[in-house]
C-alpha atoms as a PDB file:
ATOM      1  CA  MET A   1     -10.911  -5.666   2.658  1.00  0.00           C
ATOM      2  CA  SER A   2     -10.163  -5.555  -1.049  1.00  0.00           C
ATOM      3  CA  LYS A   3      -7.615  -7.779  -2.778  1.00  0.00           C
ATOM      4  CA  GLU A   4      -5.428  -4.733  -3.606  1.00  0.00           C
ATOM      5  CA  ILE A   5      -5.198  -3.744   0.059  1.00  0.00           C
ATOM      6  CA  ASN A   6      -4.241  -7.298   1.035  1.00  0.00           C
ATOM      7  CA  ILE A   7      -1.398  -7.235  -1.498  1.00  0.00           C
ATOM      8  CA  LEU A   8      -0.106  -3.942  -0.105  1.00  0.00           C
ATOM      9  CA  GLN A   9      -0.144  -5.222   3.471  1.00  0.00           C
ATOM     10  CA  GLY A  10       2.497  -7.775   2.528  1.00  0.00           C
ATOM     11  CA  GLN A  11       4.906  -5.023   1.463  1.00  0.00           C
ATOM     12  CA  SER A  12       7.361  -3.367   3.827  1.00  0.00           C
ATOM     13  CA  THR A  13       7.011   0.315   4.627  1.00  0.00           C
ATOM     14  CA  GLU A  14      10.346   0.890   2.880  1.00  0.00           C
ATOM     15  CA  ASP A  15       9.120  -0.830  -0.307  1.00  0.00           C
ATOM     16  CA  LEU A  16       5.874   1.149  -0.279  1.00  0.00           C
ATOM     17  CA  MET A  17       7.786   4.403   0.223  1.00  0.00           C
ATOM     18  CA  ALA A  18      10.178   3.505  -2.606  1.00  0.00           C
ATOM     19  CA  GLU A  19       7.203   2.895  -4.898  1.00  0.00           C
ATOM     20  CA  LEU A  20       5.642   6.250  -4.025  1.00  0.00           C
ATOM     21  CA  LYS A  21       9.010   7.977  -4.527  1.00  0.00           C
ATOM     22  CA  SER A  22       9.328   6.362  -7.968  1.00  0.00           C
ATOM     23  CA  ARG A  23       5.966   8.007  -8.791  1.00  0.00           C
ATOM     24  CA  GLY A  24       7.267  11.449  -7.850  1.00  0.00           C
ATOM     25  CA  LYS A  25       5.957  11.636  -4.284  1.00  0.00           C
ATOM     26  CA  PHE A  26       8.149  13.074  -1.512  1.00  0.00           C
ATOM     27  CA  VAL A  27       8.232  10.511   1.280  1.00  0.00           C
ATOM     28  CA  ASP A  28      11.244  11.518   3.367  1.00  0.00           C
ATOM     29  CA  ASN A  29       9.096  13.388   5.917  1.00  0.00           C
ATOM     30  CA  LEU A  30       5.953  11.432   6.697  1.00  0.00           C
ATOM     31  CA  TRP A  31       3.955  12.069   9.851  1.00  0.00           C
ATOM     32  CA  THR A  32       2.216   9.280  11.731  1.00  0.00           C
ATOM     33  CA  THR A  33      -0.418   9.034  14.407  1.00  0.00           C
ATOM     34  CA  GLU A  34       2.435   8.032  16.741  1.00  0.00           C
ATOM     35  CA  ASP A  35       3.650  11.632  16.512  1.00  0.00           C
ATOM     36  CA  VAL A  36       0.300  12.782  17.908  1.00  0.00           C
ATOM     37  CA  PHE A  37       0.071   9.948  20.464  1.00  0.00           C
ATOM     38  CA  GLY A  38       3.476  11.022  21.814  1.00  0.00           C
ATOM     39  CA  LYS A  39       2.053  14.390  22.849  1.00  0.00           C
ATOM     40  CA  PHE A  40      -1.682  13.868  23.368  1.00  0.00           C
ATOM     41  CA  ASN A  41      -4.112  11.363  24.820  1.00  0.00           C
ATOM     42  CA  CYS A  42      -6.325  10.538  21.857  1.00  0.00           C
ATOM     43  CA  THR A  43      -7.806   7.829  19.686  1.00  0.00           C
ATOM     44  CA  GLU A  44      -6.480   6.744  16.298  1.00  0.00           C
ATOM     45  CA  ASP A  45      -9.324   8.622  14.579  1.00  0.00           C
ATOM     46  CA  GLU A  46      -8.623  11.789  16.562  1.00  0.00           C
ATOM     47  CA  ALA A  47      -4.915  11.568  15.761  1.00  0.00           C
ATOM     48  CA  GLN A  48      -5.718  11.177  12.053  1.00  0.00           C
ATOM     49  CA  GLU A  49      -8.005  14.220  12.204  1.00  0.00           C
ATOM     50  CA  VAL A  50      -5.371  16.280  14.012  1.00  0.00           C
ATOM     51  CA  LEU A  51      -2.786  15.417  11.357  1.00  0.00           C
ATOM     52  CA  TYR A  52      -5.233  16.163   8.546  1.00  0.00           C
ATOM     53  CA  GLU A  53      -6.133  19.583   9.944  1.00  0.00           C
ATOM     54  CA  ALA A  54      -2.518  20.463  10.798  1.00  0.00           C
ATOM     55  CA  LEU A  55      -1.054  19.411   7.465  1.00  0.00           C
ATOM     56  CA  THR A  56      -3.732  20.632   5.050  1.00  0.00           C
ATOM     57  CA  ASN A  57      -4.610  24.056   6.419  1.00  0.00           C
ATOM     58  CA  GLU A  58      -3.876  27.216   4.442  1.00  0.00           C
ATOM     59  CA  VAL A  59      -1.153  28.507   6.788  1.00  0.00           C
ATOM     60  CA  THR A  60       0.812  25.244   6.606  1.00  0.00           C
ATOM     61  CA  MET A  61       0.516  25.161   2.812  1.00  0.00           C
ATOM     62  CA  GLU A  62       1.695  28.794   2.535  1.00  0.00           C
ATOM     63  CA  GLN A  63       4.702  28.035   4.742  1.00  0.00           C
ATOM     64  CA  ILE A  64       5.620  24.978   2.668  1.00  0.00           C
ATOM     65  CA  TRP A  65       5.442  26.958  -0.590  1.00  0.00           C
ATOM     66  CA  PHE A  66       7.529  29.726   1.001  1.00  0.00           C
ATOM     67  CA  ALA A  67      10.194  27.181   1.990  1.00  0.00           C
ATOM     68  CA  ILE A  68      10.137  25.511  -1.439  1.00  0.00           C
ATOM     69  CA  ARG A  69      10.627  28.863  -3.182  1.00  0.00           C
ATOM     70  CA  PHE A  70      13.328  29.948  -0.736  1.00  0.00           C
ATOM     71  CA  HIS A  71      15.421  26.803  -1.167  1.00  0.00           C
ATOM     72  CA  ALA A  72      14.848  26.604  -4.921  1.00  0.00           C
ATOM     73  CA  GLU A  73      15.892  30.219  -5.492  1.00  0.00           C
ATOM     74  CA  TYR A  74      18.629  30.787  -2.898  1.00  0.00           C
ATOM     75  CA  GLU A  75      20.129  27.384  -2.286  1.00  0.00           C
ATOM     76  CA  PHE A  76      19.809  25.866  -5.756  1.00  0.00           C
ATOM     77  CA  GLU A  77      19.604  29.110  -7.784  1.00  0.00           C
ATOM     78  CA  LEU A  78      16.599  27.847  -9.745  1.00  0.00           C
ATOM     79  CA  THR A  79      14.395  30.222 -11.702  1.00  0.00           C
ATOM     80  CA  GLU A  80      10.653  30.105 -11.450  1.00  0.00           C
ATOM     81  CA  LYS A  81       8.669  29.356 -14.592  1.00  0.00           C
ATOM     82  CA  ASP A  82       6.568  32.169 -16.072  1.00  0.00           C
ATOM     83  CA  ASP A  83       3.573  29.869 -16.430  1.00  0.00           C
ATOM     84  CA  THR A  84       3.111  27.851 -13.230  1.00  0.00           C
ATOM     85  CA  SER A  85      -0.031  26.036 -14.357  1.00  0.00           C
ATOM     86  CA  TYR A  86       0.542  22.337 -14.869  1.00  0.00           C
END
C-alpha cells in the first residue's frame, strides 16, 4: 500500500467528502457496496461491478443529464450556454 493511501485511511469519511466537495465534486449522493449487499447475495467485487455498470451506463447518464437540465431550467431558471464544450 502506498504512503498516500495510508495517509488517506487516517481521515474520516466526512473529511474526505469535504475535500472532494472543495474540489468541485458532488458527494451528497454516494452509493456503496452496502447498498448492493442489502438487496443481493454477492461478493465485494461483484457489488463494485454492479455499481459500476449501473452508474456508468448510457441510460443512467442520459437520465442524470435530463434531471440536471430540468432543475437548472425550471427550478433555478438558468440558461444553457451556447458553447457547452469545456
